[in-house]
Protein backbone atom coordinates (compact mmCIF):
# COMPACT_ATOMS: atom_id res chain seq x y z
CA MET A 1 16.75 -1.59 -18.88
CA LYS A 2 15.11 -3.22 -15.88
CA ARG A 3 16.97 -6.18 -15.18
CA ILE A 4 14.51 -9.59 -14.93
CA ARG A 5 13.86 -10.50 -11.04
CA ILE A 6 12.42 -14.07 -10.12
CA ILE A 7 9.15 -12.74 -9.63
CA ASP A 8 8.91 -11.98 -13.28
CA PHE A 9 9.49 -16.17 -13.63
CA TYR A 10 6.75 -16.59 -10.97
CA ILE A 11 4.13 -14.27 -13.17
CA ILE A 12 4.74 -15.91 -16.76
CA THR A 13 4.75 -19.30 -14.33
CA LEU A 14 1.18 -17.97 -13.10
CA LEU A 15 -0.22 -16.96 -16.68
CA ILE A 16 0.70 -20.49 -18.34
CA THR A 17 -0.67 -22.76 -15.45
CA GLY A 18 -3.62 -20.48 -15.03
CA ILE A 19 -4.40 -20.95 -18.45
CA SER A 20 -4.21 -24.56 -18.57
CA ALA A 21 -5.73 -25.49 -15.85
CA ILE A 22 -8.63 -23.34 -16.46
CA VAL A 23 -8.75 -24.60 -20.02
CA LEU A 24 -9.21 -28.07 -18.96
CA ARG A 25 -11.24 -27.95 -15.92
CA THR A 26 -13.66 -25.75 -18.11
CA ASN A 27 -13.81 -28.88 -21.03
CA ALA A 28 -14.45 -31.37 -17.60
CA LEU A 29 -17.17 -29.30 -16.42
CA LEU A 30 -18.52 -29.25 -20.04
CA THR A 31 -18.24 -33.07 -21.32
CA ALA A 32 -17.27 -35.03 -18.46
CA PHE A 33 -20.04 -33.16 -15.37
CA ASP A 34 -23.23 -35.14 -14.32
CA SER A 35 -25.30 -32.32 -13.23
CA LEU A 36 -27.21 -34.72 -10.84
CA THR A 37 -24.71 -36.60 -8.95
CA LEU A 38 -22.41 -32.97 -8.72
CA GLN A 39 -19.33 -35.94 -10.09
CA PHE A 40 -17.17 -36.28 -12.67
CA THR A 41 -17.91 -39.33 -14.71
CA ASP A 42 -14.63 -39.35 -16.10
CA LYS A 43 -12.02 -37.56 -13.81
CA THR A 44 -8.96 -37.79 -16.39
CA LEU A 45 -9.43 -33.77 -17.58
CA ILE A 46 -10.16 -32.61 -13.80
CA THR A 47 -7.05 -34.81 -12.38
CA ILE A 48 -4.65 -33.15 -14.59
CA ALA A 49 -6.08 -29.82 -13.99
CA GLY A 50 -5.69 -30.99 -10.19
CA VAL A 51 -2.14 -31.48 -10.42
CA ILE A 52 -1.40 -28.57 -12.36
CA ILE A 53 -2.60 -26.00 -9.96
CA ALA A 54 -1.34 -28.12 -6.67
CA ALA A 55 2.09 -27.78 -8.50
CA ALA A 56 1.82 -24.62 -8.98
CA VAL A 57 0.52 -23.64 -5.33
CA LEU A 58 3.74 -25.81 -3.56
CA GLY A 59 6.07 -23.38 -6.65
CA PHE A 60 4.33 -20.53 -5.43
CA ALA A 61 5.32 -21.48 -1.77
CA ALA A 62 9.00 -21.28 -2.61
CA TYR A 63 9.12 -18.36 -3.36
CA VAL A 64 9.28 -17.37 0.28
CA PHE A 65 12.59 -19.10 0.41
CA ILE A 66 13.66 -18.09 -3.37
CA GLY A 67 12.56 -14.77 -3.69
CA ASP A 68 13.96 -11.65 -4.30
CA ASN A 69 15.74 -9.71 -1.87
CA GLU A 70 13.14 -8.48 1.21
CA ARG A 71 12.99 -4.51 1.05
CA SER A 72 10.91 -2.34 2.80
CA LEU A 73 8.89 -1.01 0.24
CA ILE A 74 6.13 1.57 -0.47
CA ALA A 75 3.03 0.21 -1.72
CA ARG A 76 0.15 2.50 -3.97
CA ASN A 77 -2.52 2.92 -3.42
CA GLY A 78 -4.22 6.02 -5.44
CA ASN A 79 -3.88 4.69 -9.04
CA ALA A 80 -6.28 3.30 -11.21
CA ALA A 81 -4.47 -0.30 -11.24
CA THR A 82 -6.16 -0.37 -7.48
CA TYR A 83 -9.18 1.59 -6.93
CA ILE A 84 -10.46 -0.10 -10.39
CA PRO A 85 -10.67 -3.74 -9.39
CA ALA A 86 -11.50 -1.96 -5.98
CA GLY A 87 -14.48 -0.54 -6.82
CA ILE A 88 -15.47 -3.78 -8.56
CA VAL A 89 -14.87 -5.62 -5.86
CA SER A 90 -16.73 -3.78 -3.31
CA THR A 91 -19.99 -3.83 -6.31
CA ALA A 92 -19.69 -7.40 -5.86
CA LEU A 93 -18.91 -7.33 -1.50
CA MET A 94 -22.86 -5.68 -1.87
CA PHE A 95 -24.38 -7.81 -3.68
CA MET A 96 -22.92 -11.17 -1.60
CA ALA A 97 -24.09 -9.04 1.76
CA VAL A 98 -27.82 -8.85 -0.04
CA GLU A 99 -27.99 -12.73 -0.88
CA ARG A 100 -27.14 -13.68 2.46
CA PHE A 101 -29.38 -11.49 4.17
CA THR A 102 -32.60 -12.96 2.10
CA ASP A 103 -30.80 -16.34 2.81
CA THR A 104 -32.92 -16.63 5.87
CA GLY A 105 -34.40 -20.41 5.11
CA ASP A 106 -30.70 -22.10 6.20
CA PHE A 107 -31.15 -20.18 9.52
CA TYR A 108 -34.34 -21.70 10.48
CA SER A 109 -33.35 -25.24 8.88
CA VAL A 110 -29.92 -25.21 9.99
CA PRO A 111 -29.14 -22.38 12.85
CA LEU A 112 -25.56 -22.57 12.47
CA LEU A 113 -25.25 -22.26 8.79
CA GLY A 114 -28.13 -19.20 9.32
CA TRP A 115 -25.71 -17.54 11.55
CA LEU A 116 -22.65 -17.92 9.51
CA SER A 117 -25.02 -16.36 6.96
CA VAL A 118 -26.33 -13.55 8.66
CA ILE A 119 -22.43 -12.80 10.46
CA SER A 120 -20.46 -13.08 6.47
CA ALA A 121 -23.43 -10.58 5.38
CA ILE A 122 -22.69 -8.04 8.21
CA LEU A 123 -18.78 -8.44 7.52
CA SER A 124 -19.25 -8.55 3.64
CA ILE A 125 -20.71 -4.55 3.68
CA LEU A 126 -17.54 -4.11 6.63
CA SER A 127 -14.94 -5.43 3.76
CA VAL A 128 -16.14 -2.70 1.34
CA GLY A 129 -15.13 0.29 3.74
CA ALA A 130 -11.28 -1.70 3.78
CA PHE A 131 -11.40 -1.43 -0.47
CA PHE A 132 -13.07 2.64 0.18
CA LEU A 133 -10.48 3.15 2.59
CA SER A 134 -7.25 0.97 0.68
CA VAL A 135 -7.64 4.25 -2.08
CA PHE A 136 -8.51 7.43 -0.02
CA ILE A 137 -5.97 7.00 2.66
CA GLU A 138 -2.35 6.78 1.17
CA LYS A 139 -0.63 6.77 4.34
CA ASN A 140 0.14 2.89 4.19
CA ASP A 141 0.41 2.50 8.06
CA ASN A 142 -3.52 3.07 9.81
CA PHE A 143 -5.12 1.42 11.98
CA TYR A 144 -8.86 2.25 10.50
CA LYS A 145 -7.36 0.80 7.34
CA ALA A 146 -5.71 -2.59 9.31
CA ALA A 147 -9.17 -2.96 11.24
CA PHE A 148 -10.89 -3.27 7.77
CA SER A 149 -8.86 -5.35 6.60
CA LEU A 150 -8.84 -8.03 8.70
CA CYS A 151 -12.77 -8.41 8.11
CA VAL A 152 -12.40 -9.21 4.63
CA VAL A 153 -10.22 -11.92 6.16
CA PHE A 154 -12.71 -12.78 8.92
CA PHE A 155 -15.26 -12.57 5.36
CA LEU A 156 -13.45 -14.95 3.83
CA ALA A 157 -12.42 -17.31 6.20
CA LEU A 158 -15.77 -17.41 7.49
CA TYR A 159 -17.79 -17.86 3.67
CA ALA A 160 -15.03 -20.97 3.47
CA ALA A 161 -16.72 -22.46 6.38
CA TYR A 162 -20.25 -21.39 5.41
CA LEU A 163 -19.40 -23.56 2.02
CA PHE A 164 -18.42 -26.39 4.19
CA PHE A 165 -21.04 -26.58 5.95
CA ASN A 166 -23.50 -25.85 3.73
CA LYS A 167 -24.97 -29.63 2.31
CA GLU A 168 -27.86 -28.03 0.34
CA VAL A 169 -26.30 -27.36 -3.12
CA HIS A 170 -23.07 -29.52 -3.28
CA PRO A 171 -22.07 -32.38 -0.91
CA THR A 172 -18.81 -32.55 1.40
CA ASN A 173 -16.84 -34.68 -0.40
CA SER A 174 -17.56 -32.51 -3.92
CA PRO A 175 -14.70 -31.52 -6.15
CA ASN A 176 -16.03 -27.95 -7.21
CA LYS A 177 -17.52 -27.27 -3.13
CA LEU A 178 -13.26 -27.92 -2.51
CA VAL A 179 -11.47 -25.82 -5.16
CA ASP A 180 -14.10 -22.45 -3.96
CA GLN A 181 -12.91 -23.20 -0.56
CA MET A 182 -9.29 -23.00 -1.44
CA ALA A 183 -10.13 -20.13 -3.19
CA TYR A 184 -11.41 -18.84 -0.36
CA LEU A 185 -9.09 -19.79 2.57
CA PHE A 186 -5.94 -18.33 0.48
CA SER A 187 -7.51 -15.17 -0.20
CA ALA A 188 -8.13 -14.74 2.98
CA LEU A 189 -4.61 -15.80 3.80
CA PHE A 190 -3.40 -13.02 0.94
CA PHE A 191 -5.40 -10.19 2.78
CA LEU A 192 -3.25 -11.29 5.89
CA PHE A 193 -0.45 -10.01 4.86
CA GLU A 194 -2.04 -7.30 3.40
CA THR A 195 -3.19 -6.50 6.70
CA ARG A 196 0.35 -6.40 7.82
CA ILE A 197 1.66 -3.75 5.06
CA TYR A 198 -0.77 -1.54 6.87
CA LEU A 199 0.79 -2.17 10.51
CA GLY A 200 3.53 -1.10 8.90
CA ARG A 201 4.78 -5.55 9.13
CA ALA A 202 5.11 -6.03 5.72
CA LYS A 203 6.34 -9.53 4.56
CA TRP A 204 6.47 -9.14 1.22
CA ARG A 205 7.67 -12.80 0.18
CA LEU A 206 4.76 -13.95 2.39
CA TYR A 207 2.59 -11.52 0.31
CA VAL A 208 3.20 -12.37 -3.34
CA ALA A 209 3.59 -15.76 -2.72
CA SER A 210 -0.30 -16.10 -1.57
CA GLY A 211 -1.22 -13.62 -3.80
CA LEU A 212 -0.16 -15.63 -6.54
CA ALA A 213 -1.72 -18.79 -5.13
CA ALA A 214 -4.64 -16.70 -4.56
CA THR A 215 -5.02 -15.49 -8.48
CA LEU A 216 -4.47 -18.62 -9.69
CA LEU A 217 -7.18 -20.63 -7.47
CA SER A 218 -9.91 -17.80 -7.95
CA ALA A 219 -9.75 -17.70 -11.15
CA TYR A 220 -9.53 -21.53 -11.82
CA SER A 221 -12.26 -21.46 -9.36
CA ALA A 222 -14.35 -18.61 -11.39
CA ILE A 223 -14.06 -18.54 -15.31
CA PRO A 224 -14.66 -22.62 -15.71
CA SER A 225 -18.25 -21.88 -13.50
CA LEU A 226 -19.12 -18.31 -14.92
CA ILE A 227 -18.76 -20.39 -18.68
CA VAL A 228 -20.60 -23.22 -17.30
CA TYR A 229 -23.27 -20.80 -16.52
CA PHE A 230 -23.87 -19.31 -19.00
CA THR A 231 -23.31 -22.08 -21.55
CA ASN A 232 -25.83 -24.42 -19.83
CA GLY A 233 -27.54 -22.53 -17.65
CA TYR A 234 -26.32 -23.86 -14.16
CA THR A 235 -24.04 -22.84 -11.46
CA VAL A 236 -20.99 -25.08 -10.36
CA SER A 237 -20.57 -23.07 -7.30
CA ASP A 238 -22.70 -21.69 -4.50
CA SER A 239 -24.01 -19.23 -6.78
CA ILE A 240 -23.48 -16.93 -9.94
CA ILE A 241 -22.68 -14.04 -7.42
CA GLU A 242 -20.32 -16.43 -5.47
CA SER A 243 -18.79 -17.28 -9.00
CA VAL A 244 -18.60 -12.83 -9.78
CA LEU A 245 -17.45 -11.75 -6.40
CA THR A 246 -14.21 -14.96 -6.94
CA LEU A 247 -13.74 -13.26 -10.31
CA THR A 248 -13.38 -9.73 -9.29
CA LEU A 249 -10.94 -11.13 -5.99
CA SER A 250 -8.49 -12.87 -8.47
CA VAL A 251 -8.51 -9.44 -10.51
CA TYR A 252 -7.97 -7.45 -7.59
CA ILE A 253 -4.89 -9.30 -5.80
CA CYS A 254 -3.52 -10.27 -9.33
CA SER A 255 -2.82 -5.83 -9.49
CA ARG A 256 -1.80 -5.92 -6.20
CA VAL A 257 1.06 -8.23 -7.12
CA LEU A 258 1.49 -7.07 -10.24
CA GLN A 259 2.28 -3.85 -8.67
CA THR A 260 4.91 -4.90 -6.20
CA ARG A 261 7.54 -4.94 -9.77
CA GLY A 262 7.51 -1.29 -9.37
CA LEU A 263 6.97 -0.04 -6.32
CA SER A 264 9.74 2.22 -4.47
CA SER A 265 12.33 0.96 -1.60
CA GLU A 266 11.82 3.80 1.41
CA GLU A 267 15.90 2.73 1.37
CA GLU A 268 18.25 5.45 -0.32
CA CYS A 269 19.77 3.89 -3.73
CA SER A 270 23.63 4.36 -3.67
CA ALA A 271 22.88 7.42 -6.34
CA ALA A 272 20.53 8.96 -3.80
CA LYS A 273 22.59 8.99 -0.96
CA SER A 274 25.85 10.83 -2.70
CA ILE A 275 23.17 12.97 -3.96
CA ALA A 276 22.35 13.94 -0.65
CA ALA A 277 25.98 13.94 1.05
CA LEU A 278 27.06 16.53 -1.89
CA ALA A 279 23.47 18.69 -1.11
CA LEU A 280 24.23 18.54 2.48
CA SER A 281 27.73 19.51 1.91
CA ARG A 282 26.62 22.69 -0.52
CA GLU A 283 24.52 23.32 2.15
CA GLU A 284 26.96 23.47 5.17
CA GLU A 285 29.53 25.58 2.72
CA ILE A 286 26.49 28.30 2.14
CA GLU A 287 25.84 28.43 5.99
CA GLU A 288 29.52 28.73 6.81
CA HIS A 289 29.93 31.93 4.15
CA ARG A 290 26.84 32.82 5.70
CA LYS A 291 28.35 33.13 8.91
CA LEU A 292 31.20 34.65 7.65
CA SER A 293 29.75 37.45 5.88
CA ARG A 294 27.58 38.04 9.01
CA ALA A 295 30.70 38.21 11.62
CA GLN A 296 32.65 40.61 8.94
CA GLU A 297 28.80 43.00 8.89
CA SER A 298 29.10 42.59 12.64
CA VAL A 299 33.11 44.19 13.04
CA ASN A 300 31.89 46.92 10.12
CA MET A 301 29.11 47.53 12.66
CA GLU A 302 31.68 47.76 15.65
CA GLU A 303 33.80 49.92 13.59
CA ASN A 304 31.37 52.44 12.70
CA GLN A 305 29.81 52.91 16.32
CA VAL A 306 33.33 53.29 17.45
CA ALA A 307 33.65 56.38 14.70
CA LYS A 308 30.71 57.50 15.27
CA ASP A 309 31.30 57.60 19.46
CA ALA A 310 34.52 59.31 19.16
CA ALA A 311 33.00 62.16 16.99
CA ASN A 312 30.50 62.88 19.53
CA TYR A 313 33.09 62.98 22.35
CA THR A 314 35.38 64.98 20.34
CA PHE A 315 35.39 68.99 19.88
CA ASP A 316 37.24 72.00 18.70
CA ILE A 317 39.86 74.50 21.03
CA PRO A 318 39.46 77.89 19.28
CA TYR A 319 42.76 79.42 19.38
CA THR A 320 43.23 83.65 18.76
CA ASP A 321 46.95 85.70 18.61
CA THR A 322 44.92 88.65 21.06
CA VAL A 323 45.36 87.09 24.83
CA THR A 324 43.35 89.58 27.32
CA ASP A 325 44.18 89.25 30.80
CA PHE A 326 42.04 90.51 33.63
CA ASN A 327 42.10 94.28 34.98
CA PRO A 328 41.47 94.85 39.09
CA GLU A 329 40.09 97.48 38.65
CA GLY A 330 37.96 96.41 36.25
CA ALA A 331 39.71 97.57 32.97
CA ASP A 332 40.37 95.48 30.25
CA VAL A 333 44.39 95.43 29.52
CA ASP A 334 45.81 94.42 26.43
CA LEU A 335 49.01 92.16 27.11
CA ASN A 336 50.10 92.49 23.67
CA GLN A 337 50.13 96.45 23.40
CA ASN A 338 53.67 97.88 23.67
CA TYR A 339 53.82 100.16 27.03
CA PRO A 340 56.55 103.26 26.78
CA ASP A 341 59.60 102.48 29.25
């Protein structure tokens, strides 16, 4: 049985606070929101929802100090929990790019908004590359993954700036605009820490804390807006495409945070270290045995060679009982013959 870690309590908190705040904001938008003034006629429900969100975000920030021990984790990308959310976010980003490119009215009326819109569209397209590379490049430490991930950070931050300066749909003090801005800024913060993973400088506590906050704020921004759109026919965000993108970001970030629970560590556990030590000891024993075997074989070969050399330089001298001597007169004399006195 796996032990319960601190992050498990935070995930439960995310679920409870998220559902509570989303239900309260949805009811407030359906019952107490004036679509003409873009303000709430009764602020009771929306205030309670805001307090819950603020308290939850502060609680998530505490994870940086009391969270699970920092470990060198190995992030996983090639699984369904990553490439399915990455695919839906990429699709939403392409629709957002088209909307930003076609929204040319702001370029002529307010040049700043026009440039922000065009640059956001370009960064939105580049951000698709970040999700593509995150799936198809398994290695975490990768320059290209980090570079494209920074495009996501710039896009989200720049789009939050676009929402701030865009007063055509919502005034500056619009509570709904503030919620959308916070959702995109905290999402940008999360992807900033994801970029650190691709640079080999991961900060897992900050990664989880920002991911929890971004998940909550994105869902709090998108889900009530979509419900109001399909119920009353108007959007309380900048556009319906923005709400869809915000929801897909929430799903992706939530999936990434949940995956941190099951990530393996780069550091070896005690059991793995023991097994590795035993394996190394066995390898050394086998290698020593091989050295002794080779030494014995070498000795045997030398002995065989010495025996062969001795055989090559050894010969037999023939021996007979008959001895002959040379006769000066040219006749052979048998020295063993008996002559008469």
